[in-house]
PDB file of N, CA and C in Angstrom:
ATOM      1  N   MET A   1     184.658 -42.444 -41.555  1.00  0.00           N
ATOM      2  CA  MET A   1     184.549 -40.809 -41.488  1.00  0.00           C
ATOM      3  C   MET A   1     183.282 -40.381 -40.763  1.00  0.00           C
ATOM      4  N   ARG A   2     183.849 -40.246 -39.410  1.00  0.00           N
ATOM      5  CA  ARG A   2     182.830 -40.021 -39.081  1.00  0.00           C
ATOM      6  C   ARG A   2     182.759 -37.891 -38.902  1.00  0.00           C
ATOM      7  N   THR A   3     181.530 -37.531 -39.083  1.00  0.00           N
ATOM      8  CA  THR A   3     181.087 -36.698 -39.667  1.00  0.00           C
ATOM      9  C   THR A   3     180.288 -35.672 -38.723  1.00  0.00           C
ATOM     10  N   VAL A   4     180.535 -34.517 -37.872  1.00  0.00           N
ATOM     11  CA  VAL A   4     179.794 -33.981 -37.292  1.00  0.00           C
ATOM     12  C   VAL A   4     178.891 -32.577 -38.258  1.00  0.00           C
ATOM     13  N   ILE A   5     177.686 -33.069 -38.139  1.00  0.00           N
ATOM     14  CA  ILE A   5     176.752 -31.295 -38.770  1.00  0.00           C
ATOM     15  C   ILE A   5     176.396 -30.334 -37.741  1.00  0.00           C
ATOM     16  N   LEU A   6     176.877 -29.146 -38.019  1.00  0.00           N
ATOM     17  CA  LEU A   6     176.331 -28.136 -37.322  1.00  0.00           C
ATOM     18  C   LEU A   6     175.021 -26.971 -38.461  1.00  0.00           C
ATOM     19  N   GLY A   7     174.344 -27.124 -37.472  1.00  0.00           N
ATOM     20  CA  GLY A   7     173.344 -26.419 -38.178  1.00  0.00           C
ATOM     21  C   GLY A   7     172.660 -25.549 -36.996  1.00  0.00           C
ATOM     22  N   ILE A   8     171.520 -25.121 -37.905  1.00  0.00           N
ATOM     23  CA  ILE A   8     170.357 -24.367 -37.426  1.00  0.00           C
ATOM     24  C   ILE A   8     169.021 -24.797 -37.114  1.00  0.00           C
ATOM     25  N   GLU A   9     168.311 -25.432 -36.157  1.00  0.00           N
ATOM     26  CA  GLU A   9     167.527 -26.305 -35.896  1.00  0.00           C
ATOM     27  C   GLU A   9     166.839 -25.274 -35.180  1.00  0.00           C
ATOM     28  N   THR A  10     165.154 -25.296 -34.849  1.00  0.00           N
ATOM     29  CA  THR A  10     164.682 -25.147 -33.627  1.00  0.00           C
ATOM     30  C   THR A  10     164.436 -26.621 -32.771  1.00  0.00           C
ATOM     31  N   GLN A  11     163.608 -26.024 -31.725  1.00  0.00           N
ATOM     32  CA  GLN A  11     163.584 -27.346 -30.883  1.00  0.00           C
ATOM     33  C   GLN A  11     162.610 -28.251 -31.527  1.00  0.00           C
ATOM     34  N   ASN A  12     160.974 -27.649 -32.046  1.00  0.00           N
ATOM     35  CA  ASN A  12     160.147 -28.263 -32.862  1.00  0.00           C
ATOM     36  C   ASN A  12     161.264 -29.392 -34.056  1.00  0.00           C
ATOM     37  N   ASP A  13     161.986 -28.564 -34.799  1.00  0.00           N
ATOM     38  CA  ASP A  13     162.833 -29.168 -35.654  1.00  0.00           C
ATOM     39  C   ASP A  13     163.889 -30.347 -35.022  1.00  0.00           C
ATOM     40  N   VAL A  14     164.317 -30.643 -34.496  1.00  0.00           N
ATOM     41  CA  VAL A  14     164.959 -31.094 -33.417  1.00  0.00           C
ATOM     42  C   VAL A  14     164.065 -32.491 -33.008  1.00  0.00           C
ATOM     43  N   THR A  15     163.099 -32.186 -32.116  1.00  0.00           N
ATOM     44  CA  THR A  15     161.712 -32.790 -31.940  1.00  0.00           C
ATOM     45  C   THR A  15     161.471 -33.793 -33.076  1.00  0.00           C
ATOM     46  N   ARG A  16     161.027 -32.983 -34.140  1.00  0.00           N
ATOM     47  CA  ARG A  16     160.543 -34.029 -34.948  1.00  0.00           C
ATOM     48  C   ARG A  16     161.496 -34.975 -35.904  1.00  0.00           C
ATOM     49  N   ARG A  17     163.107 -34.450 -35.936  1.00  0.00           N
ATOM     50  CA  ARG A  17     163.994 -35.425 -36.523  1.00  0.00           C
ATOM     51  C   ARG A  17     164.160 -36.170 -35.474  1.00  0.00           C
ATOM     52  N   ILE A  18     163.764 -36.340 -34.361  1.00  0.00           N
ATOM     53  CA  ILE A  18     164.433 -37.786 -33.569  1.00  0.00           C
ATOM     54  C   ILE A  18     163.372 -38.823 -33.335  1.00  0.00           C
ATOM     55  N   LEU A  19     161.685 -37.887 -33.384  1.00  0.00           N
ATOM     56  CA  LEU A  19     161.193 -38.758 -33.766  1.00  0.00           C
ATOM     57  C   LEU A  19     160.725 -39.694 -35.165  1.00  0.00           C
ATOM     58  N   ALA A  20     161.143 -38.961 -36.304  1.00  0.00           N
ATOM     59  CA  ALA A  20     161.394 -39.717 -37.480  1.00  0.00           C
ATOM     60  C   ALA A  20     161.970 -40.912 -37.248  1.00  0.00           C
ATOM     61  N   THR A  21     163.492 -40.233 -36.832  1.00  0.00           N
ATOM     62  CA  THR A  21     164.411 -41.181 -36.795  1.00  0.00           C
ATOM     63  C   THR A  21     164.112 -42.812 -35.606  1.00  0.00           C
ATOM     64  N   ALA A  22     162.999 -42.248 -34.463  1.00  0.00           N
ATOM     65  CA  ALA A  22     162.614 -43.357 -33.968  1.00  0.00           C
ATOM     66  C   ALA A  22     161.426 -44.303 -34.759  1.00  0.00           C
ATOM     67  N   ARG A  23     160.715 -43.734 -35.400  1.00  0.00           N
ATOM     68  CA  ARG A  23     159.475 -44.445 -35.901  1.00  0.00           C
ATOM     69  C   ARG A  23     160.544 -45.571 -37.100  1.00  0.00           C
ATOM     70  N   GLY A  24     161.540 -44.875 -37.434  1.00  0.00           N
ATOM     71  CA  GLY A  24     162.139 -45.886 -38.896  1.00  0.00           C
ATOM     72  C   GLY A  24     161.892 -44.894 -40.398  1.00  0.00           C
ATOM     73  N   GLN A  25     161.360 -43.502 -40.137  1.00  0.00           N
ATOM     74  CA  GLN A  25     161.011 -43.145 -41.024  1.00  0.00           C
ATOM     75  C   GLN A  25     162.043 -42.316 -41.569  1.00  0.00           C
ATOM     76  N   ARG A  26     163.296 -41.938 -40.890  1.00  0.00           N
ATOM     77  CA  ARG A  26     164.738 -41.480 -41.306  1.00  0.00           C
ATOM     78  C   ARG A  26     165.693 -41.979 -40.913  1.00  0.00           C
ATOM     79  N   LYS A  27     166.735 -42.441 -41.928  1.00  0.00           N
ATOM     80  CA  LYS A  27     168.128 -43.026 -41.143  1.00  0.00           C
ATOM     81  C   LYS A  27     168.743 -42.323 -39.864  1.00  0.00           C
ATOM     82  N   ALA A  28     169.150 -43.208 -38.822  1.00  0.00           N
ATOM     83  CA  ALA A  28     170.306 -42.509 -38.346  1.00  0.00           C
ATOM     84  C   ALA A  28     171.649 -42.513 -38.904  1.00  0.00           C
ATOM     85  N   GLY A  29     172.093 -41.348 -39.191  1.00  0.00           N
ATOM     86  CA  GLY A  29     173.114 -40.964 -39.722  1.00  0.00           C
ATOM     87  C   GLY A  29     174.564 -40.128 -38.790  1.00  0.00           C
ATOM     88  N   ASP A  30     174.881 -38.871 -39.489  1.00  0.00           N
ATOM     89  CA  ASP A  30     176.180 -38.525 -38.811  1.00  0.00           C
ATOM     90  C   ASP A  30     175.322 -37.711 -38.100  1.00  0.00           C
ATOM     91  N   ASP A  31     176.390 -37.369 -36.655  1.00  0.00           N
ATOM     92  CA  ASP A  31     176.000 -36.723 -35.910  1.00  0.00           C
ATOM     93  C   ASP A  31     175.479 -34.648 -35.868  1.00  0.00           C
ATOM     94  N   ARG A  32     174.689 -34.749 -34.894  1.00  0.00           N
ATOM     95  CA  ARG A  32     174.109 -33.411 -35.439  1.00  0.00           C
ATOM     96  C   ARG A  32     174.329 -32.582 -33.970  1.00  0.00           C
ATOM     97  N   ILE A  33     174.745 -31.039 -34.390  1.00  0.00           N
ATOM     98  CA  ILE A  33     174.805 -30.424 -33.220  1.00  0.00           C
ATOM     99  C   ILE A  33     174.452 -28.779 -33.856  1.00  0.00           C
ATOM    100  N   SER A  34     172.877 -28.789 -32.898  1.00  0.00           N
ATOM    101  CA  SER A  34     172.072 -27.568 -33.243  1.00  0.00           C
ATOM    102  C   SER A  34     172.508 -26.432 -32.751  1.00  0.00           C
ATOM    103  N   PHE A  35     172.116 -24.973 -33.508  1.00  0.00           N
ATOM    104  CA  PHE A  35     172.074 -24.052 -32.740  1.00  0.00           C
ATOM    105  C   PHE A  35     170.656 -23.476 -33.175  1.00  0.00           C
ATOM    106  N   GLU A  36     170.275 -22.472 -32.232  1.00  0.00           N
ATOM    107  CA  GLU A  36     168.792 -21.796 -32.461  1.00  0.00           C
ATOM    108  C   GLU A  36     168.860 -20.945 -33.458  1.00  0.00           C
ATOM    109  N   ASN A  37     170.261 -20.238 -33.606  1.00  0.00           N
ATOM    110  CA  ASN A  37     170.397 -18.597 -34.603  1.00  0.00           C
ATOM    111  C   ASN A  37     171.277 -18.601 -35.129  1.00  0.00           C
ATOM    112  N   VAL A  38     171.905 -18.401 -36.577  1.00  0.00           N
ATOM    113  CA  VAL A  38     173.292 -18.422 -36.737  1.00  0.00           C
ATOM    114  C   VAL A  38     173.837 -17.592 -36.054  1.00  0.00           C
ATOM    115  N   GLY A  39     173.610 -16.561 -35.399  1.00  0.00           N
ATOM    116  CA  GLY A  39     173.943 -15.596 -34.515  1.00  0.00           C
ATOM    117  C   GLY A  39     175.101 -16.462 -33.442  1.00  0.00           C
ATOM    118  N   GLU A  40     173.734 -17.554 -33.029  1.00  0.00           N
ATOM    119  CA  GLU A  40     174.494 -18.519 -31.952  1.00  0.00           C
ATOM    120  C   GLU A  40     176.285 -19.417 -32.036  1.00  0.00           C
ATOM    121  N   LEU A  41     175.467 -19.602 -33.480  1.00  0.00           N
ATOM    122  CA  LEU A  41     176.575 -20.568 -34.013  1.00  0.00           C
ATOM    123  C   LEU A  41     177.786 -19.990 -34.203  1.00  0.00           C
ATOM    124  N   TRP A  42     177.689 -18.693 -34.745  1.00  0.00           N
ATOM    125  CA  TRP A  42     178.914 -18.036 -34.446  1.00  0.00           C
ATOM    126  C   TRP A  42     179.559 -17.749 -33.599  1.00  0.00           C
ATOM    127  N   ARG A  43     178.783 -17.432 -32.800  1.00  0.00           N
ATOM    128  CA  ARG A  43     179.497 -17.092 -31.569  1.00  0.00           C
ATOM    129  C   ARG A  43     180.097 -18.203 -30.988  1.00  0.00           C
ATOM    130  N   VAL A  44     179.583 -19.726 -31.007  1.00  0.00           N
ATOM    131  CA  VAL A  44     180.416 -20.484 -30.223  1.00  0.00           C
ATOM    132  C   VAL A  44     181.449 -21.092 -31.398  1.00  0.00           C
ATOM    133  N   LEU A  45     181.332 -21.163 -32.625  1.00  0.00           N
ATOM    134  CA  LEU A  45     182.596 -21.272 -33.487  1.00  0.00           C
ATOM    135  C   LEU A  45     183.429 -19.664 -33.767  1.00  0.00           C
ATOM    136  N   ALA A  46     183.839 -19.101 -32.974  1.00  0.00           N
ATOM    137  CA  ALA A  46     184.508 -18.239 -33.137  1.00  0.00           C
ATOM    138  C   ALA A  46     185.811 -18.313 -33.839  1.00  0.00           C
ATOM    139  N   PRO A  47     186.139 -17.764 -34.608  1.00  0.00           N
ATOM    140  CA  PRO A  47     187.545 -18.267 -35.439  1.00  0.00           C
ATOM    141  C   PRO A  47     188.502 -18.319 -34.472  1.00  0.00           C
ATOM    142  N   LYS A  48     189.269 -18.100 -33.256  1.00  0.00           N
ATOM    143  CA  LYS A  48     189.826 -18.936 -32.308  1.00  0.00           C
ATOM    144  C   LYS A  48     189.629 -19.642 -31.983  1.00  0.00           C
ATOM    145  N   ARG A  49     188.300 -20.150 -31.848  1.00  0.00           N
ATOM    146  CA  ARG A  49     187.448 -21.430 -31.374  1.00  0.00           C
ATOM    147  C   ARG A  49     187.628 -22.875 -32.758  1.00  0.00           C
ATOM    148  N   MET A  50     187.656 -22.265 -33.480  1.00  0.00           N
ATOM    149  CA  MET A  50     187.604 -23.145 -35.054  1.00  0.00           C
ATOM    150  C   MET A  50     189.171 -23.460 -35.113  1.00  0.00           C
ATOM    151  N   GLU A  51     189.854 -22.708 -34.958  1.00  0.00           N
ATOM    152  CA  GLU A  51     191.480 -23.093 -34.756  1.00  0.00           C
ATOM    153  C   GLU A  51     191.833 -24.410 -33.963  1.00  0.00           C
ATOM    154  N   ILE A  52     190.890 -23.821 -32.507  1.00  0.00           N
ATOM    155  CA  ILE A  52     191.379 -25.191 -31.442  1.00  0.00           C
ATOM    156  C   ILE A  52     190.498 -26.212 -32.171  1.00  0.00           C
ATOM    157  N   VAL A  53     189.642 -26.416 -32.582  1.00  0.00           N
ATOM    158  CA  VAL A  53     188.878 -27.360 -33.665  1.00  0.00           C
ATOM    159  C   VAL A  53     189.655 -28.206 -34.587  1.00  0.00           C
ATOM    160  N   ARG A  54     190.417 -27.081 -35.103  1.00  0.00           N
ATOM    161  CA  ARG A  54     190.983 -27.552 -36.948  1.00  0.00           C
ATOM    162  C   ARG A  54     192.716 -28.154 -35.498  1.00  0.00           C
ATOM    163  N   ALA A  55     192.879 -27.984 -34.841  1.00  0.00           N
ATOM    164  CA  ALA A  55     194.252 -28.674 -34.134  1.00  0.00           C
ATOM    165  C   ALA A  55     193.727 -29.963 -33.595  1.00  0.00           C
ATOM    166  N   MET A  56     192.960 -30.149 -33.367  1.00  0.00           N
ATOM    167  CA  MET A  56     192.393 -31.065 -32.126  1.00  0.00           C
ATOM    168  C   MET A  56     191.843 -32.357 -33.588  1.00  0.00           C
ATOM    169  N   THR A  57     191.565 -32.127 -34.868  1.00  0.00           N
ATOM    170  CA  THR A  57     191.037 -33.392 -35.676  1.00  0.00           C
ATOM    171  C   THR A  57     191.613 -34.522 -35.864  1.00  0.00           C
ATOM    172  N   ARG A  58     191.294 -35.233 -35.629  1.00  0.00           N
ATOM    173  CA  ARG A  58     192.207 -36.398 -35.985  1.00  0.00           C
ATOM    174  C   ARG A  58     193.270 -36.969 -34.978  1.00  0.00           C
ATOM    175  N   THR A  59     193.470 -36.201 -33.487  1.00  0.00           N
ATOM    176  CA  THR A  59     194.723 -36.280 -32.720  1.00  0.00           C
ATOM    177  C   THR A  59     194.288 -37.108 -31.569  1.00  0.00           C
ATOM    178  N   GLY A  60     193.369 -36.982 -30.815  1.00  0.00           N
ATOM    179  CA  GLY A  60     192.722 -38.155 -30.064  1.00  0.00           C
ATOM    180  C   GLY A  60     192.803 -36.918 -28.809  1.00  0.00           C
ATOM    181  N   PRO A  61     192.527 -37.651 -27.502  1.00  0.00           N
ATOM    182  CA  PRO A  61     192.773 -36.736 -26.659  1.00  0.00           C
ATOM    183  C   PRO A  61     193.748 -36.041 -26.562  1.00  0.00           C
ATOM    184  N   LEU A  62     193.579 -34.598 -25.911  1.00  0.00           N
ATOM    185  CA  LEU A  62     194.803 -33.781 -25.421  1.00  0.00           C
ATOM    186  C   LEU A  62     194.518 -33.260 -24.319  1.00  0.00           C
ATOM    187  N   THR A  63     195.365 -32.512 -23.494  1.00  0.00           N
ATOM    188  CA  THR A  63     195.492 -32.050 -22.286  1.00  0.00           C
ATOM    189  C   THR A  63     195.121 -30.554 -23.220  1.00  0.00           C
ATOM    190  N   ILE A  64     194.694 -29.769 -22.099  1.00  0.00           N
ATOM    191  CA  ILE A  64     194.512 -28.549 -22.178  1.00  0.00           C
ATOM    192  C   ILE A  64     196.141 -27.283 -22.712  1.00  0.00           C
ATOM    193  N   ARG A  65     196.710 -27.821 -21.742  1.00  0.00           N
ATOM    194  CA  ARG A  65     197.822 -27.038 -22.370  1.00  0.00           C
ATOM    195  C   ARG A  65     198.626 -27.618 -23.545  1.00  0.00           C
ATOM    196  N   GLU A  66     198.394 -28.843 -24.024  1.00  0.00           N
ATOM    197  CA  GLU A  66     199.032 -29.176 -25.573  1.00  0.00           C
ATOM    198  C   GLU A  66     198.008 -28.512 -26.408  1.00  0.00           C
ATOM    199  N   VAL A  67     196.972 -28.482 -25.828  1.00  0.00           N
ATOM    200  CA  VAL A  67     195.813 -28.072 -26.885  1.00  0.00           C
ATOM    201  C   VAL A  67     196.141 -26.003 -27.506  1.00  0.00           C
ATOM    202  N   ALA A  68     196.422 -25.764 -26.202  1.00  0.00           N
ATOM    203  CA  ALA A  68     196.998 -24.323 -25.936  1.00  0.00           C
ATOM    204  C   ALA A  68     198.595 -23.683 -26.618  1.00  0.00           C
ATOM    205  N   ARG A  69     199.477 -25.105 -26.322  1.00  0.00           N
ATOM    206  CA  ARG A  69     200.884 -24.802 -27.156  1.00  0.00           C
ATOM    207  C   ARG A  69     200.587 -25.512 -28.787  1.00  0.00           C
ATOM    208  N   ARG A  70     199.991 -25.894 -29.513  1.00  0.00           N
ATOM    209  CA  ARG A  70     199.494 -26.502 -30.694  1.00  0.00           C
ATOM    210  C   ARG A  70     198.709 -25.383 -31.572  1.00  0.00           C
ATOM    211  N   VAL A  71     197.902 -24.497 -30.278  1.00  0.00           N
ATOM    212  CA  VAL A  71     197.506 -22.880 -31.372  1.00  0.00           C
ATOM    213  C   VAL A  71     198.120 -21.885 -31.292  1.00  0.00           C
ATOM    214  N   GLY A  72     199.484 -21.784 -29.394  1.00  0.00           N
ATOM    215  CA  GLY A  72     199.985 -20.846 -29.856  1.00  0.00           C
ATOM    216  C   GLY A  72     199.365 -19.761 -28.881  1.00  0.00           C
ATOM    217  N   ARG A  73     198.450 -20.220 -27.997  1.00  0.00           N
ATOM    218  CA  ARG A  73     197.667 -18.926 -27.123  1.00  0.00           C
ATOM    219  C   ARG A  73     197.721 -19.068 -25.722  1.00  0.00           C
ATOM    220  N   ASP A  74     197.876 -18.618 -24.725  1.00  0.00           N
ATOM    221  CA  ASP A  74     197.659 -18.852 -23.226  1.00  0.00           C
ATOM    222  C   ASP A  74     196.786 -19.456 -22.804  1.00  0.00           C
ATOM    223  N   PHE A  75     197.474 -20.781 -22.019  1.00  0.00           N
ATOM    224  CA  PHE A  75     196.357 -21.453 -21.514  1.00  0.00           C
ATOM    225  C   PHE A  75     195.013 -21.075 -20.911  1.00  0.00           C
ATOM    226  N   LYS A  76     194.841 -19.646 -20.407  1.00  0.00           N
ATOM    227  CA  LYS A  76     193.613 -19.585 -19.419  1.00  0.00           C
ATOM    228  C   LYS A  76     192.147 -19.245 -20.938  1.00  0.00           C
ATOM    229  N   ALA A  77     193.287 -18.942 -21.977  1.00  0.00           N
ATOM    230  CA  ALA A  77     192.226 -18.506 -22.804  1.00  0.00           C
ATOM    231  C   ALA A  77     191.885 -19.369 -23.699  1.00  0.00           C
ATOM    232  N   VAL A  78     192.650 -20.719 -23.700  1.00  0.00           N
ATOM    233  CA  VAL A  78     192.339 -21.800 -24.445  1.00  0.00           C
ATOM    234  C   VAL A  78     191.497 -22.576 -23.383  1.00  0.00           C
ATOM    235  N   HIS A  79     191.523 -22.799 -22.182  1.00  0.00           N
ATOM    236  CA  HIS A  79     190.813 -23.252 -21.066  1.00  0.00           C
ATOM    237  C   HIS A  79     189.345 -22.552 -21.571  1.00  0.00           C
ATOM    238  N   SER A  80     188.849 -21.106 -21.653  1.00  0.00           N
ATOM    239  CA  SER A  80     187.527 -20.685 -21.522  1.00  0.00           C
ATOM    240  C   SER A  80     187.114 -21.210 -22.551  1.00  0.00           C
ATOM    241  N   ASP A  81     187.974 -21.265 -23.830  1.00  0.00           N
ATOM    242  CA  ASP A  81     186.760 -21.475 -25.338  1.00  0.00           C
ATOM    243  C   ASP A  81     186.613 -23.128 -25.296  1.00  0.00           C
ATOM    244  N   VAL A  82     187.863 -23.864 -24.720  1.00  0.00           N
ATOM    245  CA  VAL A  82     187.446 -25.267 -24.528  1.00  0.00           C
ATOM    246  C   VAL A  82     186.294 -25.431 -23.778  1.00  0.00           C
ATOM    247  N   THR A  83     186.273 -25.172 -22.608  1.00  0.00           N
ATOM    248  CA  THR A  83     184.704 -25.284 -21.731  1.00  0.00           C
ATOM    249  C   THR A  83     183.968 -24.706 -22.715  1.00  0.00           C
ATOM    250  N   LEU A  84     183.760 -23.922 -23.199  1.00  0.00           N
ATOM    251  CA  LEU A  84     182.444 -23.435 -24.199  1.00  0.00           C
ATOM    252  C   LEU A  84     182.316 -24.397 -25.260  1.00  0.00           C
ATOM    253  N   LEU A  85     183.058 -25.011 -26.163  1.00  0.00           N
ATOM    254  CA  LEU A  85     183.113 -26.227 -26.721  1.00  0.00           C
ATOM    255  C   LEU A  85     182.303 -27.188 -26.291  1.00  0.00           C
ATOM    256  N   VAL A  86     183.520 -27.620 -25.147  1.00  0.00           N
ATOM    257  CA  VAL A  86     182.107 -28.713 -24.077  1.00  0.00           C
ATOM    258  C   VAL A  86     180.817 -28.814 -24.135  1.00  0.00           C
ATOM    259  N   ASN A  87     180.495 -27.301 -23.375  1.00  0.00           N
ATOM    260  CA  ASN A  87     179.188 -27.283 -22.731  1.00  0.00           C
ATOM    261  C   ASN A  87     178.703 -27.300 -24.313  1.00  0.00           C
ATOM    262  N   ALA A  88     178.747 -26.867 -25.613  1.00  0.00           N
ATOM    263  CA  ALA A  88     178.131 -26.884 -26.608  1.00  0.00           C
ATOM    264  C   ALA A  88     178.229 -28.665 -27.610  1.00  0.00           C
ATOM    265  N   GLY A  89     178.960 -29.205 -26.733  1.00  0.00           N
ATOM    266  CA  GLY A  89     179.061 -30.471 -27.293  1.00  0.00           C
ATOM    267  C   GLY A  89     179.586 -30.741 -28.909  1.00  0.00           C
ATOM    268  N   ILE A  90     180.584 -29.868 -28.892  1.00  0.00           N
ATOM    269  CA  ILE A  90     181.628 -29.806 -29.881  1.00  0.00           C
ATOM    270  C   ILE A  90     182.729 -30.620 -29.392  1.00  0.00           C
ATOM    271  N   LEU A  91     183.042 -30.212 -28.180  1.00  0.00           N
ATOM    272  CA  LEU A  91     184.300 -31.482 -27.670  1.00  0.00           C
ATOM    273  C   LEU A  91     183.813 -32.087 -26.367  1.00  0.00           C
ATOM    274  N   GLU A  92     184.727 -33.394 -26.457  1.00  0.00           N
ATOM    275  CA  GLU A  92     184.533 -33.972 -25.202  1.00  0.00           C
ATOM    276  C   GLU A  92     185.335 -34.110 -24.547  1.00  0.00           C
ATOM    277  N   ARG A  93     184.984 -34.531 -23.363  1.00  0.00           N
ATOM    278  CA  ARG A  93     185.979 -34.298 -21.743  1.00  0.00           C
ATOM    279  C   ARG A  93     186.512 -35.927 -21.661  1.00  0.00           C
ATOM    280  N   THR A  94     187.190 -36.689 -21.606  1.00  0.00           N
ATOM    281  CA  THR A  94     187.406 -38.028 -21.536  1.00  0.00           C
ATOM    282  C   THR A  94     187.543 -38.207 -19.742  1.00  0.00           C
ATOM    283  N   ASP A  95     187.506 -39.794 -19.212  1.00  0.00           N
ATOM    284  CA  ASP A  95     187.651 -39.831 -17.799  1.00  0.00           C
ATOM    285  C   ASP A  95     189.182 -39.315 -17.348  1.00  0.00           C
ATOM    286  N   LYS A  96     189.848 -39.007 -18.188  1.00  0.00           N
ATOM    287  CA  LYS A  96     191.263 -38.521 -17.605  1.00  0.00           C
ATOM    288  C   LYS A  96     191.254 -37.352 -17.032  1.00  0.00           C
ATOM    289  N   GLY A  97     190.536 -36.913 -17.812  1.00  0.00           N
ATOM    290  CA  GLY A  97     190.426 -35.342 -17.902  1.00  0.00           C
ATOM    291  C   GLY A  97     190.572 -34.292 -18.947  1.00  0.00           C
ATOM    292  N   ALA A  98     191.134 -35.064 -20.150  1.00  0.00           N
ATOM    293  CA  ALA A  98     192.092 -34.541 -21.566  1.00  0.00           C
ATOM    294  C   ALA A  98     190.624 -34.212 -22.238  1.00  0.00           C
ATOM    295  N   VAL A  99     190.500 -33.590 -23.230  1.00  0.00           N
ATOM    296  CA  VAL A  99     189.163 -32.989 -24.268  1.00  0.00           C
ATOM    297  C   VAL A  99     190.109 -33.930 -25.440  1.00  0.00           C
ATOM    298  N   GLU A 100     188.829 -34.030 -26.087  1.00  0.00           N
ATOM    299  CA  GLU A 100     188.829 -34.838 -27.546  1.00  0.00           C
ATOM    300  C   GLU A 100     188.050 -33.707 -28.497  1.00  0.00           C
ATOM    301  N   PHE A 101     188.122 -34.533 -30.000  1.00  0.00           N
ATOM    302  CA  PHE A 101     187.463 -34.137 -31.233  1.00  0.00           C
ATOM    303  C   PHE A 101     187.581 -35.183 -31.426  1.00  0.00           C
ATOM    304  N   PRO A 102     185.828 -35.487 -31.038  1.00  0.00           N
ATOM    305  CA  PRO A 102     185.581 -36.929 -32.147  1.00  0.00           C
ATOM    306  C   PRO A 102     185.237 -37.396 -33.130  1.00  0.00           C
ATOM    307  N   TYR A 103     185.678 -36.493 -33.909  1.00  0.00           N
ATOM    308  CA  TYR A 103     185.143 -36.038 -35.522  1.00  0.00           C
ATOM    309  C   TYR A 103     186.525 -36.281 -36.165  1.00  0.00           C
ATOM    310  N   ASP A 104     186.012 -36.795 -37.626  1.00  0.00           N
ATOM    311  CA  ASP A 104     187.213 -36.704 -38.837  1.00  0.00           C
ATOM    312  C   ASP A 104     186.911 -35.217 -39.489  1.00  0.00           C
ATOM    313  N   ARG A 105     185.484 -34.775 -39.564  1.00  0.00           N
ATOM    314  CA  ARG A 105     185.023 -33.718 -40.520  1.00  0.00           C
ATOM    315  C   ARG A 105     184.076 -33.107 -39.610  1.00  0.00           C
ATOM    316  N   VAL A 106     184.160 -31.799 -40.267  1.00  0.00           N
ATOM    317  CA  VAL A 106     182.601 -30.742 -39.780  1.00  0.00           C
ATOM    318  C   VAL A 106     181.910 -30.429 -40.861  1.00  0.00           C
ATOM    319  N   HIS A 107     180.814 -30.506 -41.062  1.00  0.00           N
ATOM    320  CA  HIS A 107     180.542 -29.789 -42.124  1.00  0.00           C
ATOM    321  C   HIS A 107     179.235 -28.692 -41.332  1.00  0.00           C
ATOM    322  N   VAL A 108     179.404 -27.508 -41.732  1.00  0.00           N
ATOM    323  CA  VAL A 108     178.483 -26.463 -41.161  1.00  0.00           C
ATOM    324  C   VAL A 108     176.961 -26.066 -42.190  1.00  0.00           C
ATOM    325  N   GLU A 109     175.820 -26.263 -41.999  1.00  0.00           N
ATOM    326  CA  GLU A 109     174.632 -25.730 -42.497  1.00  0.00           C
ATOM    327  C   GLU A 109     173.985 -25.211 -42.290  1.00  0.00           C
ATOM    328  N   PHE A 110     173.248 -24.318 -43.003  1.00  0.00           N
ATOM    329  CA  PHE A 110     172.177 -23.181 -42.829  1.00  0.00           C
ATOM    330  C   PHE A 110     171.578 -22.611 -43.832  1.00  0.00           C
ATOM    331  N   ASP A 111     170.358 -22.122 -43.447  1.00  0.00           N
ATOM    332  CA  ASP A 111     169.869 -21.292 -44.933  1.00  0.00           C
ATOM    333  C   ASP A 111     169.863 -19.829 -44.311  1.00  0.00           C
ATOM    334  N   MET A 112     170.168 -18.779 -45.447  1.00  0.00           N
ATOM    335  CA  MET A 112     169.615 -17.343 -44.873  1.00  0.00           C
ATOM    336  C   MET A 112     168.676 -16.623 -46.136  1.00  0.00           C
ATOM    337  N   MET A 113     167.852 -16.332 -45.630  1.00  0.00           N
ATOM    338  CA  MET A 113     166.973 -15.869 -45.898  1.00  0.00           C
ATOM    339  C   MET A 113     166.377 -14.064 -45.451  1.00  0.00           C
ATOM    340  N   ALA A 114     165.510 -13.685 -46.469  1.00  0.00           N
ATOM    341  CA  ALA A 114     165.511 -12.352 -46.350  1.00  0.00           C
ATOM    342  C   ALA A 114     164.678 -11.653 -44.908  1.00  0.00           C
ATOM    343  N   ALA A 115     165.016 -10.752 -44.513  1.00  0.00           N
ATOM    344  CA  ALA A 115     164.474 -10.673 -43.127  1.00  0.00           C
ATOM    345  C   ALA A 115     162.688 -10.140 -43.542  1.00  0.00           C
TER     346      ALA A 115
END
């Protein structure tokens, strides 16, 4: 099962994690997509975008028109959301122009602390 971890990390956190993996101090594991803050994570993972991700899980590559059909939304709105998800690294474009969610599972992690 391939899992993607979506979380909150500063650029320094990302750099430390990459360096630790390169030095063998940390095992390379699940894929990780990081956001700088919770607001950015929730902006990208708005409910309608998460519905797109759910609809694409374990389906293989799909056209945007097929994604729109599966989520019951118009093509233009889905196209905008898919483009944002591709730019965030959550979805991938194939050589043939389709889009794909290459994971079986999403794990979201972040800590909330008092201001």
